[in-house]
C-alpha atoms as a PDB file:
ATOM      1  CA  MET A   1     -29.956   0.124   4.566  1.00  0.00           C
ATOM      2  CA  PHE A   2     -26.896   1.633   5.936  1.00  0.00           C
ATOM      3  CA  ARG A   3     -25.228   1.391   2.489  1.00  0.00           C
ATOM      4  CA  ARG A   4     -28.196   2.998   0.850  1.00  0.00           C
ATOM      5  CA  ASN A   5     -28.311   5.908   3.254  1.00  0.00           C
ATOM      6  CA  VAL A   6     -24.343   6.378   3.104  1.00  0.00           C
ATOM      7  CA  LEU A   7     -24.596   6.616  -0.610  1.00  0.00           C
ATOM      8  CA  ALA A   8     -27.584   8.969  -0.721  1.00  0.00           C
ATOM      9  CA  ALA A   9     -26.410  11.333   2.078  1.00  0.00           C
ATOM     10  CA  GLY A  10     -24.542  14.493   1.025  1.00  0.00           C
ATOM     11  CA  LEU A  11     -20.607  14.417   1.454  1.00  0.00           C
ATOM     12  CA  GLY A  12     -21.109  17.445   3.977  1.00  0.00           C
ATOM     13  CA  ALA A  13     -23.253  15.490   6.194  1.00  0.00           C
ATOM     14  CA  GLY A  14     -22.149  15.292   9.616  1.00  0.00           C
ATOM     15  CA  ALA A  15     -23.968  15.269  13.012  1.00  0.00           C
ATOM     16  CA  ALA A  16     -27.341  15.303  11.530  1.00  0.00           C
ATOM     17  CA  ALA A  17     -26.920  11.772  10.114  1.00  0.00           C
ATOM     18  CA  LEU A  18     -26.520  10.538  13.663  1.00  0.00           C
ATOM     19  CA  VAL A  19     -30.198  11.023  14.319  1.00  0.00           C
ATOM     20  CA  HIS A  20     -31.415   9.475  11.121  1.00  0.00           C
ATOM     21  CA  PRO A  21     -33.838   6.641  11.633  1.00  0.00           C
ATOM     22  CA  ALA A  22     -31.601   4.419   9.690  1.00  0.00           C
ATOM     23  CA  PHE A  23     -29.258   4.324  12.458  1.00  0.00           C
ATOM     24  CA  ALA A  24     -31.696   3.272  15.262  1.00  0.00           C
ATOM     25  CA  ASP A  25     -30.774  -0.338  14.919  1.00  0.00           C
ATOM     26  CA  PRO A  26     -27.660  -0.567  12.352  1.00  0.00           C
ATOM     27  CA  ALA A  27     -26.074  -3.798  11.260  1.00  0.00           C
ATOM     28  CA  TRP A  28     -22.788  -2.003  11.584  1.00  0.00           C
ATOM     29  CA  PRO A  29     -21.061  -0.626  13.647  1.00  0.00           C
ATOM     30  CA  THR A  30     -22.741  -1.869  16.683  1.00  0.00           C
ATOM     31  CA  GLN A  31     -20.007  -0.745  18.896  1.00  0.00           C
ATOM     32  CA  PRO A  32     -16.776   1.509  18.653  1.00  0.00           C
ATOM     33  CA  VAL A  33     -14.725   0.019  15.655  1.00  0.00           C
ATOM     34  CA  ARG A  34     -11.126  -0.971  16.074  1.00  0.00           C
ATOM     35  CA  LEU A  35      -9.186  -0.228  12.847  1.00  0.00           C
ATOM     36  CA  VAL A  36      -5.936  -2.086  13.367  1.00  0.00           C
ATOM     37  CA  VAL A  37      -2.880  -0.810  11.668  1.00  0.00           C
ATOM     38  CA  PRO A  38       0.104  -3.108  11.897  1.00  0.00           C
ATOM     39  CA  PHE A  39       2.647  -0.263  11.605  1.00  0.00           C
ATOM     40  CA  SER A  40       3.785   2.498  13.978  1.00  0.00           C
ATOM     41  CA  ALA A  41       1.636   5.696  14.608  1.00  0.00           C
ATOM     42  CA  GLY A  42       2.563   8.735  12.401  1.00  0.00           C
ATOM     43  CA  GLY A  43       4.041   6.738   9.505  1.00  0.00           C
ATOM     44  CA  PRO A  44       2.803   6.714   5.817  1.00  0.00           C
ATOM     45  CA  THR A  45       0.292   3.904   6.583  1.00  0.00           C
ATOM     46  CA  ASP A  46      -1.107   5.179   9.682  1.00  0.00           C
ATOM     47  CA  ILE A  47      -1.722   8.653   8.254  1.00  0.00           C
ATOM     48  CA  PRO A  48      -4.399   7.647   5.622  1.00  0.00           C
ATOM     49  CA  ALA A  49      -5.795   5.238   8.068  1.00  0.00           C
ATOM     50  CA  ARG A  50      -6.498   8.094  10.597  1.00  0.00           C
ATOM     51  CA  LEU A  51      -7.805  10.318   7.798  1.00  0.00           C
ATOM     52  CA  PHE A  52     -10.510   7.743   7.053  1.00  0.00           C
ATOM     53  CA  ALA A  53     -11.085   6.913  10.707  1.00  0.00           C
ATOM     54  CA  ASP A  54     -11.665  10.450  11.433  1.00  0.00           C
ATOM     55  CA  GLU A  55     -14.042  11.162   8.524  1.00  0.00           C
ATOM     56  CA  LEU A  56     -16.138   7.909   8.865  1.00  0.00           C
ATOM     57  CA  SER A  57     -16.605   8.735  12.483  1.00  0.00           C
ATOM     58  CA  LYS A  58     -18.292  12.086  11.483  1.00  0.00           C
ATOM     59  CA  PHE A  59     -21.316  10.232  10.052  1.00  0.00           C
ATOM     60  CA  LEU A  60     -21.504   6.778  12.074  1.00  0.00           C
ATOM     61  CA  PRO A  61     -23.398   6.185  15.127  1.00  0.00           C
ATOM     62  CA  GLN A  62     -20.024   4.783  16.699  1.00  0.00           C
ATOM     63  CA  ARG A  63     -16.427   5.965  16.443  1.00  0.00           C
ATOM     64  CA  ILE A  64     -13.652   4.431  14.322  1.00  0.00           C
ATOM     65  CA  VAL A  65     -10.653   4.129  16.517  1.00  0.00           C
ATOM     66  CA  VAL A  66      -7.164   3.523  15.030  1.00  0.00           C
ATOM     67  CA  GLU A  67      -5.066   0.930  16.930  1.00  0.00           C
ATOM     68  CA  ASN A  68      -1.481   0.251  16.154  1.00  0.00           C
ATOM     69  CA  ARG A  69      -0.402  -3.270  16.575  1.00  0.00           C
ATOM     70  CA  THR A  70       3.221  -3.702  15.393  1.00  0.00           C
ATOM     71  CA  GLY A  71       5.676  -6.604  15.883  1.00  0.00           C
ATOM     72  CA  ALA A  72       7.047  -9.423  13.591  1.00  0.00           C
ATOM     73  CA  GLY A  73       6.536  -7.079  10.467  1.00  0.00           C
ATOM     74  CA  VAL A  74       2.701  -6.825  10.023  1.00  0.00           C
ATOM     75  CA  VAL A  75       2.136 -10.342  11.642  1.00  0.00           C
ATOM     76  CA  VAL A  76       0.973  -9.519  15.267  1.00  0.00           C
ATOM     77  CA  GLY A  77      -1.690  -7.016  14.018  1.00  0.00           C
ATOM     78  CA  SER A  78      -2.871  -9.127  11.238  1.00  0.00           C
ATOM     79  CA  GLU A  79      -3.106 -12.243  13.344  1.00  0.00           C
ATOM     80  CA  MET A  80      -5.295 -10.272  16.056  1.00  0.00           C
ATOM     81  CA  VAL A  81      -7.711  -9.631  13.270  1.00  0.00           C
ATOM     82  CA  ALA A  82      -7.611 -12.972  11.625  1.00  0.00           C
ATOM     83  CA  LYS A  83      -8.783 -14.417  14.981  1.00  0.00           C
ATOM     84  CA  GLY A  84     -10.944 -11.634  16.041  1.00  0.00           C
ATOM     85  CA  PRO A  85     -14.844 -11.351  15.991  1.00  0.00           C
ATOM     86  CA  LYS A  86     -16.646 -11.730  12.839  1.00  0.00           C
ATOM     87  CA  ASP A  87     -19.025  -8.650  13.096  1.00  0.00           C
ATOM     88  CA  GLY A  88     -17.151  -5.976  11.271  1.00  0.00           C
ATOM     89  CA  ASN A  89     -16.190  -4.270  14.601  1.00  0.00           C
ATOM     90  CA  THR A  90     -12.514  -5.124  14.362  1.00  0.00           C
ATOM     91  CA  LEU A  91     -11.073  -4.386  10.903  1.00  0.00           C
ATOM     92  CA  LEU A  92      -7.409  -4.486   9.455  1.00  0.00           C
ATOM     93  CA  TYR A  93      -5.843  -1.486   7.459  1.00  0.00           C
ATOM     94  CA  ASN A  94      -3.038  -3.190   5.705  1.00  0.00           C
ATOM     95  CA  THR A  95      -0.482  -2.864   2.616  1.00  0.00           C
ATOM     96  CA  ILE A  96       1.232  -4.839   0.104  1.00  0.00           C
ATOM     97  CA  ALA A  97       2.769  -6.545   3.114  1.00  0.00           C
ATOM     98  CA  HIS A  98      -0.282  -8.497   3.634  1.00  0.00           C
ATOM     99  CA  SER A  99       0.095 -10.230   0.193  1.00  0.00           C
ATOM    100  CA  VAL A 100       3.591 -11.631   0.897  1.00  0.00           C
ATOM    101  CA  LEU A 101       2.873 -12.938   4.388  1.00  0.00           C
ATOM    102  CA  ARG A 102       2.455 -16.449   3.337  1.00  0.00           C
ATOM    103  CA  PRO A 103       5.664 -17.029   1.354  1.00  0.00           C
ATOM    104  CA  LEU A 104       7.796 -15.211   3.788  1.00  0.00           C
ATOM    105  CA  PHE A 105       6.294 -16.748   7.056  1.00  0.00           C
ATOM    106  CA  PRO A 106       5.372 -20.118   6.224  1.00  0.00           C
ATOM    107  CA  ARG A 107       4.632 -21.166   9.743  1.00  0.00           C
ATOM    108  CA  LEU A 108       1.990 -18.439  10.459  1.00  0.00           C
ATOM    109  CA  SER A 109      -0.911 -19.477  12.628  1.00  0.00           C
ATOM    110  CA  PHE A 110      -3.183 -18.050  10.090  1.00  0.00           C
ATOM    111  CA  ASP A 111      -3.697 -17.826   6.406  1.00  0.00           C
ATOM    112  CA  PRO A 112      -3.435 -14.134   4.778  1.00  0.00           C
ATOM    113  CA  ILE A 113      -5.634 -15.073   2.128  1.00  0.00           C
ATOM    114  CA  ALA A 114      -8.363 -17.679   3.401  1.00  0.00           C
ATOM    115  CA  ASP A 115      -8.731 -16.089   6.766  1.00  0.00           C
ATOM    116  CA  PHE A 116      -9.606 -12.670   5.619  1.00  0.00           C
ATOM    117  CA  GLN A 117     -12.412 -10.943   3.704  1.00  0.00           C
ATOM    118  CA  PRO A 118     -11.107  -8.015   1.673  1.00  0.00           C
ATOM    119  CA  VAL A 119     -13.422  -5.109   2.051  1.00  0.00           C
ATOM    120  CA  VAL A 120     -12.159  -2.140  -0.096  1.00  0.00           C
ATOM    121  CA  LEU A 121      -8.963  -1.195  -1.931  1.00  0.00           C
ATOM    122  CA  VAL A 122      -8.469   2.277  -0.714  1.00  0.00           C
ATOM    123  CA  GLY A 123      -5.828   3.279  -3.161  1.00  0.00           C
ATOM    124  CA  VAL A 124      -2.374   2.505  -4.751  1.00  0.00           C
ATOM    125  CA  ILE A 125       0.997   4.387  -4.556  1.00  0.00           C
ATOM    126  CA  PRO A 126       3.448   3.558  -7.425  1.00  0.00           C
ATOM    127  CA  MET A 127       7.106   2.834  -6.923  1.00  0.00           C
ATOM    128  CA  VAL A 128       9.622   5.389  -8.473  1.00  0.00           C
ATOM    129  CA  ILE A 129      13.035   4.038  -9.895  1.00  0.00           C
ATOM    130  CA  THR A 130      15.461   6.384  -8.780  1.00  0.00           C
ATOM    131  CA  VAL A 131      19.347   6.678  -8.788  1.00  0.00           C
ATOM    132  CA  ASN A 132      21.942   9.127  -7.208  1.00  0.00           C
ATOM    133  CA  LYS A 133      22.076  12.404  -9.132  1.00  0.00           C
ATOM    134  CA  ASP A 134      25.640  11.696 -10.264  1.00  0.00           C
ATOM    135  CA  PHE A 135      25.086   8.095 -11.482  1.00  0.00           C
ATOM    136  CA  PRO A 136      25.909   7.952 -15.119  1.00  0.00           C
ATOM    137  CA  VAL A 137      22.611   6.788 -16.459  1.00  0.00           C
ATOM    138  CA  ARG A 138      19.751   9.055 -17.742  1.00  0.00           C
ATOM    139  CA  THR A 139      17.228   6.678 -18.686  1.00  0.00           C
ATOM    140  CA  LEU A 140      15.798   3.289 -17.492  1.00  0.00           C
ATOM    141  CA  GLN A 141      17.108   1.622 -20.779  1.00  0.00           C
ATOM    142  CA  ASP A 142      20.610   3.044 -19.668  1.00  0.00           C
ATOM    143  CA  LEU A 143      20.273   1.632 -16.273  1.00  0.00           C
ATOM    144  CA  ALA A 144      19.192  -1.817 -17.624  1.00  0.00           C
ATOM    145  CA  ALA A 145      22.047  -1.845 -20.135  1.00  0.00           C
ATOM    146  CA  LEU A 146      24.703  -1.008 -17.458  1.00  0.00           C
ATOM    147  CA  LEU A 147      23.600  -3.636 -14.953  1.00  0.00           C
ATOM    148  CA  LYS A 148      23.554  -6.405 -17.609  1.00  0.00           C
ATOM    149  CA  LYS A 149      26.977  -5.376 -18.923  1.00  0.00           C
ATOM    150  CA  GLU A 150      28.563  -5.560 -15.662  1.00  0.00           C
ATOM    151  CA  PRO A 151      26.432  -7.845 -13.616  1.00  0.00           C
ATOM    152  CA  GLY A 152      26.813  -7.859  -9.768  1.00  0.00           C
ATOM    153  CA  LYS A 153      28.890  -4.884  -9.693  1.00  0.00           C
ATOM    154  CA  TYR A 154      26.463  -2.341  -8.493  1.00  0.00           C
ATOM    155  CA  ASP A 155      24.269  -2.124  -5.589  1.00  0.00           C
ATOM    156  CA  TYR A 156      20.543  -1.231  -4.686  1.00  0.00           C
ATOM    157  CA  ALA A 157      19.172  -0.210  -1.502  1.00  0.00           C
ATOM    158  CA  SER A 158      15.863  -1.161   0.273  1.00  0.00           C
ATOM    159  CA  SER A 159      14.127  -0.568   3.444  1.00  0.00           C
ATOM    160  CA  GLY A 160      14.443  -4.289   4.466  1.00  0.00           C
ATOM    161  CA  ASN A 161      14.734  -7.884   3.292  1.00  0.00           C
ATOM    162  CA  GLY A 162      11.400  -8.888   1.838  1.00  0.00           C
ATOM    163  CA  GLY A 163       9.808  -5.550   1.922  1.00  0.00           C
ATOM    164  CA  ALA A 164       7.862  -3.668  -0.914  1.00  0.00           C
ATOM    165  CA  LEU A 165      11.205  -1.822  -2.235  1.00  0.00           C
ATOM    166  CA  HIS A 166      13.209  -4.972  -2.361  1.00  0.00           C
ATOM    167  CA  LEU A 167      10.319  -6.874  -4.234  1.00  0.00           C
ATOM    168  CA  ALA A 168       9.966  -4.118  -6.629  1.00  0.00           C
ATOM    169  CA  SER A 169      13.709  -4.135  -7.203  1.00  0.00           C
ATOM    170  CA  GLU A 170      13.812  -7.695  -7.998  1.00  0.00           C
ATOM    171  CA  LEU A 171      10.819  -7.509 -10.284  1.00  0.00           C
ATOM    172  CA  PHE A 172      12.706  -4.722 -12.461  1.00  0.00           C
ATOM    173  CA  LEU A 173      16.066  -6.874 -12.344  1.00  0.00           C
ATOM    174  CA  ARG A 174      14.031  -9.722 -13.809  1.00  0.00           C
ATOM    175  CA  ALA A 175      12.404  -7.542 -16.377  1.00  0.00           C
ATOM    176  CA  ALA A 176      15.879  -6.321 -17.420  1.00  0.00           C
ATOM    177  CA  GLY A 177      17.623  -9.347 -17.337  1.00  0.00           C
ATOM    178  CA  ALA A 178      19.964  -7.843 -15.153  1.00  0.00           C
ATOM    179  CA  ARG A 179      21.664  -8.432 -11.589  1.00  0.00           C
ATOM    180  CA  ALA A 180      22.468  -6.039  -8.812  1.00  0.00           C
ATOM    181  CA  ASN A 181      23.356  -6.566  -5.226  1.00  0.00           C
ATOM    182  CA  HIS A 182      20.801  -6.064  -2.533  1.00  0.00           C
ATOM    183  CA  VAL A 183      21.728  -3.942   0.413  1.00  0.00           C
ATOM    184  CA  PRO A 184      18.916  -3.779   3.046  1.00  0.00           C
ATOM    185  CA  TYR A 185      18.533  -1.039   5.642  1.00  0.00           C
ATOM    186  CA  ARG A 186      16.151  -0.679   8.535  1.00  0.00           C
ATOM    187  CA  GLY A 187      13.912   1.596   6.805  1.00  0.00           C
ATOM    188  CA  THR A 188      13.942   4.056   3.990  1.00  0.00           C
ATOM    189  CA  ALA A 189      15.301   6.825   6.121  1.00  0.00           C
ATOM    190  CA  ALA A 190      18.235   4.752   7.139  1.00  0.00           C
ATOM    191  CA  ALA A 191      18.998   4.021   3.480  1.00  0.00           C
ATOM    192  CA  MET A 192      18.683   7.545   1.948  1.00  0.00           C
ATOM    193  CA  PRO A 193      21.995   8.886   3.275  1.00  0.00           C
ATOM    194  CA  ASP A 194      24.062   6.300   1.388  1.00  0.00           C
ATOM    195  CA  VAL A 195      21.978   6.746  -1.729  1.00  0.00           C
ATOM    196  CA  LEU A 196      22.544  10.779  -1.579  1.00  0.00           C
ATOM    197  CA  ASN A 197      26.272  10.274  -0.858  1.00  0.00           C
ATOM    198  CA  GLY A 198      26.700   7.718  -3.669  1.00  0.00           C
ATOM    199  CA  ALA A 199      27.760   4.719  -1.743  1.00  0.00           C
ATOM    200  CA  ILE A 200      24.430   2.943  -2.960  1.00  0.00           C
ATOM    201  CA  PRO A 201      23.536   4.196  -6.402  1.00  0.00           C
ATOM    202  CA  ILE A 202      20.234   2.898  -6.851  1.00  0.00           C
ATOM    203  CA  ILE A 203      16.990   2.643  -4.808  1.00  0.00           C
ATOM    204  CA  ILE A 204      13.452   1.948  -5.998  1.00  0.00           C
ATOM    205  CA  ASP A 205      11.031   3.645  -3.570  1.00  0.00           C
ATOM    206  CA  VAL A 206       7.579   4.466  -2.869  1.00  0.00           C
ATOM    207  CA  ALA A 207       6.340   7.672  -4.523  1.00  0.00           C
ATOM    208  CA  THR A 208       5.336   9.221  -1.154  1.00  0.00           C
ATOM    209  CA  THR A 209       9.150   9.110   0.106  1.00  0.00           C
ATOM    210  CA  ALA A 210      10.770   9.313  -3.258  1.00  0.00           C
ATOM    211  CA  LEU A 211       9.212  12.484  -4.639  1.00  0.00           C
ATOM    212  CA  PRO A 212      10.814  14.987  -2.267  1.00  0.00           C
ATOM    213  CA  TYR A 213      14.306  14.021  -3.147  1.00  0.00           C
ATOM    214  CA  VAL A 214      13.600  13.892  -6.885  1.00  0.00           C
ATOM    215  CA  GLN A 215      11.745  17.325  -6.622  1.00  0.00           C
ATOM    216  CA  ARG A 216      14.788  18.767  -4.732  1.00  0.00           C
ATOM    217  CA  GLY A 217      17.338  17.328  -7.370  1.00  0.00           C
ATOM    218  CA  GLU A 218      19.004  15.156  -4.894  1.00  0.00           C
ATOM    219  CA  THR A 219      18.166  11.938  -6.818  1.00  0.00           C
ATOM    220  CA  ARG A 220      17.098  11.381 -10.436  1.00  0.00           C
ATOM    221  CA  ALA A 221      13.829   9.569 -11.338  1.00  0.00           C
ATOM    222  CA  LEU A 222      14.286   7.254 -14.137  1.00  0.00           C
ATOM    223  CA  ALA A 223      10.622   5.836 -14.481  1.00  0.00           C
ATOM    224  CA  VAL A 224       7.422   5.508 -12.471  1.00  0.00           C
ATOM    225  CA  MET A 225       6.335   2.031 -12.085  1.00  0.00           C
ATOM    226  CA  SER A 226       2.648   2.585 -12.719  1.00  0.00           C
ATOM    227  CA  SER A 227       0.228   2.770 -15.961  1.00  0.00           C
ATOM    228  CA  LYS A 228       0.421   6.583 -15.685  1.00  0.00           C
ATOM    229  CA  ARG A 229       2.619   9.423 -14.729  1.00  0.00           C
ATOM    230  CA  ILE A 230       2.628  11.327 -11.645  1.00  0.00           C
ATOM    231  CA  ALA A 231       1.311  14.800 -11.773  1.00  0.00           C
ATOM    232  CA  SER A 232       3.939  16.344  -9.460  1.00  0.00           C
ATOM    233  CA  ILE A 233       6.883  14.830 -11.547  1.00  0.00           C
ATOM    234  CA  PRO A 234       5.250  14.992 -15.217  1.00  0.00           C
ATOM    235  CA  ASP A 235       8.442  14.523 -17.010  1.00  0.00           C
ATOM    236  CA  VAL A 236       9.344  11.220 -15.480  1.00  0.00           C
ATOM    237  CA  PRO A 237       8.092   8.443 -17.936  1.00  0.00           C
ATOM    238  CA  THR A 238       6.082   5.213 -16.731  1.00  0.00           C
ATOM    239  CA  THR A 239       7.931   2.124 -17.079  1.00  0.00           C
ATOM    240  CA  ALA A 240       6.066   1.268 -20.173  1.00  0.00           C
ATOM    241  CA  GLU A 241       7.064   4.457 -21.762  1.00  0.00           C
ATOM    242  CA  ALA A 242      10.595   3.817 -20.819  1.00  0.00           C
ATOM    243  CA  GLY A 243      10.507   0.480 -22.700  1.00  0.00           C
ATOM    244  CA  PHE A 244       9.291  -2.000 -20.274  1.00  0.00           C
ATOM    245  CA  PRO A 245       5.609  -2.576 -20.684  1.00  0.00           C
ATOM    246  CA  GLY A 246       3.745  -4.494 -17.885  1.00  0.00           C
ATOM    247  CA  LEU A 247       6.557  -3.420 -15.362  1.00  0.00           C
ATOM    248  CA  GLU A 248       4.236  -2.109 -12.502  1.00  0.00           C
ATOM    249  CA  ALA A 249       4.700  -2.238  -8.814  1.00  0.00           C
ATOM    250  CA  TYR A 250       2.771  -0.301  -6.057  1.00  0.00           C
ATOM    251  CA  THR A 251       2.275  -0.323  -2.535  1.00  0.00           C
ATOM    252  CA  TRP A 252      -1.308  -0.270  -1.678  1.00  0.00           C
ATOM    253  CA  HIS A 253      -3.704   0.091   1.028  1.00  0.00           C
ATOM    254  CA  MET A 254      -6.706  -2.210   1.916  1.00  0.00           C
ATOM    255  CA  VAL A 255      -9.109  -2.640   4.432  1.00  0.00           C
ATOM    256  CA  LEU A 256      -9.868  -6.350   5.471  1.00  0.00           C
ATOM    257  CA  ALA A 257     -12.492  -7.984   7.762  1.00  0.00           C
ATOM    258  CA  PRO A 258     -12.063 -11.583   9.331  1.00  0.00           C
ATOM    259  CA  ALA A 259     -13.163 -14.415   6.879  1.00  0.00           C
ATOM    260  CA  GLY A 260     -16.786 -15.182   7.732  1.00  0.00           C
ATOM    261  CA  THR A 261     -17.989 -11.644   8.380  1.00  0.00           C
ATOM    262  CA  PRO A 262     -21.539 -11.301   7.234  1.00  0.00           C
ATOM    263  CA  MET A 263     -21.488  -9.888   3.642  1.00  0.00           C
ATOM    264  CA  PRO A 264     -24.093  -7.225   4.422  1.00  0.00           C
ATOM    265  CA  VAL A 265     -21.972  -5.947   6.967  1.00  0.00           C
ATOM    266  CA  VAL A 266     -18.950  -6.038   4.616  1.00  0.00           C
ATOM    267  CA  GLN A 267     -20.966  -3.992   1.917  1.00  0.00           C
ATOM    268  CA  GLU A 268     -21.911  -1.398   4.450  1.00  0.00           C
ATOM    269  CA  ILE A 269     -18.350  -0.876   5.432  1.00  0.00           C
ATOM    270  CA  ASN A 270     -17.266  -0.796   1.833  1.00  0.00           C
ATOM    271  CA  ALA A 271     -19.824   1.863   1.226  1.00  0.00           C
ATOM    272  CA  GLY A 272     -18.535   4.137   4.239  1.00  0.00           C
ATOM    273  CA  PHE A 273     -14.694   3.955   2.952  1.00  0.00           C
ATOM    274  CA  ASN A 274     -15.981   4.583  -0.495  1.00  0.00           C
ATOM    275  CA  ARG A 275     -18.086   7.669   0.604  1.00  0.00           C
ATOM    276  CA  VAL A 276     -15.018   8.917   2.318  1.00  0.00           C
ATOM    277  CA  ALA A 277     -12.764   8.237  -0.666  1.00  0.00           C
ATOM    278  CA  ALA A 278     -15.017  10.461  -2.819  1.00  0.00           C
ATOM    279  CA  MET A 279     -14.726  13.640  -0.454  1.00  0.00           C
ATOM    280  CA  PRO A 280     -12.661  16.210  -2.318  1.00  0.00           C
ATOM    281  CA  SER A 281     -10.745  17.092   0.999  1.00  0.00           C
ATOM    282  CA  VAL A 282      -9.602  13.611   1.155  1.00  0.00           C
ATOM    283  CA  GLN A 283      -8.666  13.180  -2.206  1.00  0.00           C
ATOM    284  CA  GLN A 284      -6.433  16.235  -2.079  1.00  0.00           C
ATOM    285  CA  LYS A 285      -4.627  15.063   1.090  1.00  0.00           C
ATOM    286  CA  LEU A 286      -4.006  11.610  -0.218  1.00  0.00           C
ATOM    287  CA  ALA A 287      -2.938  13.178  -3.705  1.00  0.00           C
ATOM    288  CA  ASP A 288      -0.209  14.945  -1.489  1.00  0.00           C
ATOM    289  CA  LEU A 289       0.899  11.336  -0.490  1.00  0.00           C
ATOM    290  CA  ALA A 290       1.103  10.395  -4.295  1.00  0.00           C
ATOM    291  CA  MET A 291      -1.822   7.868  -3.656  1.00  0.00           C
ATOM    292  CA  GLU A 292      -4.055   6.856  -6.487  1.00  0.00           C
ATOM    293  CA  LEU A 293      -7.615   6.393  -5.015  1.00  0.00           C
ATOM    294  CA  ARG A 294      -9.794   3.686  -5.894  1.00  0.00           C
ATOM    295  CA  SER A 295     -13.195   5.310  -4.764  1.00  0.00           C
ATOM    296  CA  ASP A 296     -15.493   2.740  -6.273  1.00  0.00           C
ATOM    297  CA  THR A 297     -13.923  -0.815  -5.457  1.00  0.00           C
ATOM    298  CA  THR A 298     -16.071  -3.468  -4.337  1.00  0.00           C
ATOM    299  CA  PRO A 299     -15.402  -6.448  -1.890  1.00  0.00           C
ATOM    300  CA  GLU A 300     -15.234  -8.680  -5.049  1.00  0.00           C
ATOM    301  CA  SER A 301     -12.743  -6.507  -6.966  1.00  0.00           C
ATOM    302  CA  ALA A 302     -10.410  -5.975  -3.718  1.00  0.00           C
ATOM    303  CA  ALA A 303     -10.460  -9.798  -3.303  1.00  0.00           C
ATOM    304  CA  ALA A 304      -9.421 -10.332  -6.796  1.00  0.00           C
ATOM    305  CA  PHE A 305      -6.673  -7.571  -6.447  1.00  0.00           C
ATOM    306  CA  LEU A 306      -5.418  -9.257  -3.395  1.00  0.00           C
ATOM    307  CA  ARG A 307      -5.256 -12.750  -5.075  1.00  0.00           C
ATOM    308  CA  SER A 308      -3.335 -11.360  -8.206  1.00  0.00           C
ATOM    309  CA  GLU A 309      -0.936  -9.568  -6.046  1.00  0.00           C
ATOM    310  CA  ALA A 310      -0.387 -12.530  -3.867  1.00  0.00           C
ATOM    311  CA  ALA A 311       0.439 -14.822  -6.764  1.00  0.00           C
ATOM    312  CA  LYS A 312       2.571 -12.027  -8.384  1.00  0.00           C
ATOM    313  CA  TRP A 313       5.050 -11.516  -5.379  1.00  0.00           C
ATOM    314  CA  GLU A 314       4.988 -15.222  -4.230  1.00  0.00           C
ATOM    315  CA  GLY A 315       6.629 -15.897  -7.788  1.00  0.00           C
ATOM    316  CA  ILE A 316       9.464 -13.240  -7.233  1.00  0.00           C
ATOM    317  CA  ILE A 317       9.958 -14.294  -3.667  1.00  0.00           C
ATOM    318  CA  ARG A 318      10.587 -17.780  -4.992  1.00  0.00           C
ATOM    319  CA  ASP A 319      12.720 -17.073  -7.923  1.00  0.00           C
ATOM    320  CA  ALA A 320      14.731 -14.700  -6.004  1.00  0.00           C
ATOM    321  CA  GLY A 321      15.040 -16.825  -3.016  1.00  0.00           C
ATOM    322  CA  ILE A 322      14.044 -14.115  -0.547  1.00  0.00           C
ATOM    323  CA  LYS A 323      13.870 -15.062   2.954  1.00  0.00           C
ATOM    324  CA  VAL A 324      13.562 -13.045   6.089  1.00  0.00           C
ATOM    325  CA  ASP A 325      15.671 -13.288   9.370  1.00  0.00           C
END
């Protein structure tokens, strides 16, 4: 019932929806909803989560409250939701980090796949392969050829061991049949000074943080690891256009509930998030973060996406021998 009313309501609906008879005894939410974000407040994951929480709260009978639970990567926040109530009132807003928990943390007290019900894939943010502006390569083929010609001579930076940037870099190196040295930093902000001064010539970064450097001419983008180009850097080819078909890597944002949450509740949550994702104002704000929205995903398609990502990255982690400290 909630799903039908959400989809039928106009996108500008506000307080009037709260008095609709459909909300007299809703299946969800029955209390303020905790949207657990296992990242720090104000970061690139927290900002979209709060945008969705604020917009959802305008037409739901209960507020959506973002709760930042950091620790051990994303383990602390994820574990709290996995072991939480199965009523839809405690949800997880996570990223690609969720799909690599199992191979990176084999002693987890929960299963990041079996113990969760994916609700909606909010959107994806492609990775961008960039180099120092003075590095002597102009195309992705140039970079691959140089790294193959002199294996192990050059370094690439990442935001941390086992993180999305590290994994995307290893994915590219395998596709290129090349080798370079991994230099992990404590976050992208810590890595960029060395990329800009040329100490570390290569970094594959999330588009959200890569674009400002590319647009200012401080780094050179060789390719976007996506099936389509990014509108704000239209001259940068996709990896397929650059000669590496199938080489795609994204970070992504997904809402998950504990496994066993009733499917009618899951569908209602899905409808709510899809409604917000269809709002032009929300689309513009997320486009500014280089996020490609998926405004019509179902719980089934989100689950299939999570399984495919887990299989993809588990193979890379195993083959590269990636371990976290």
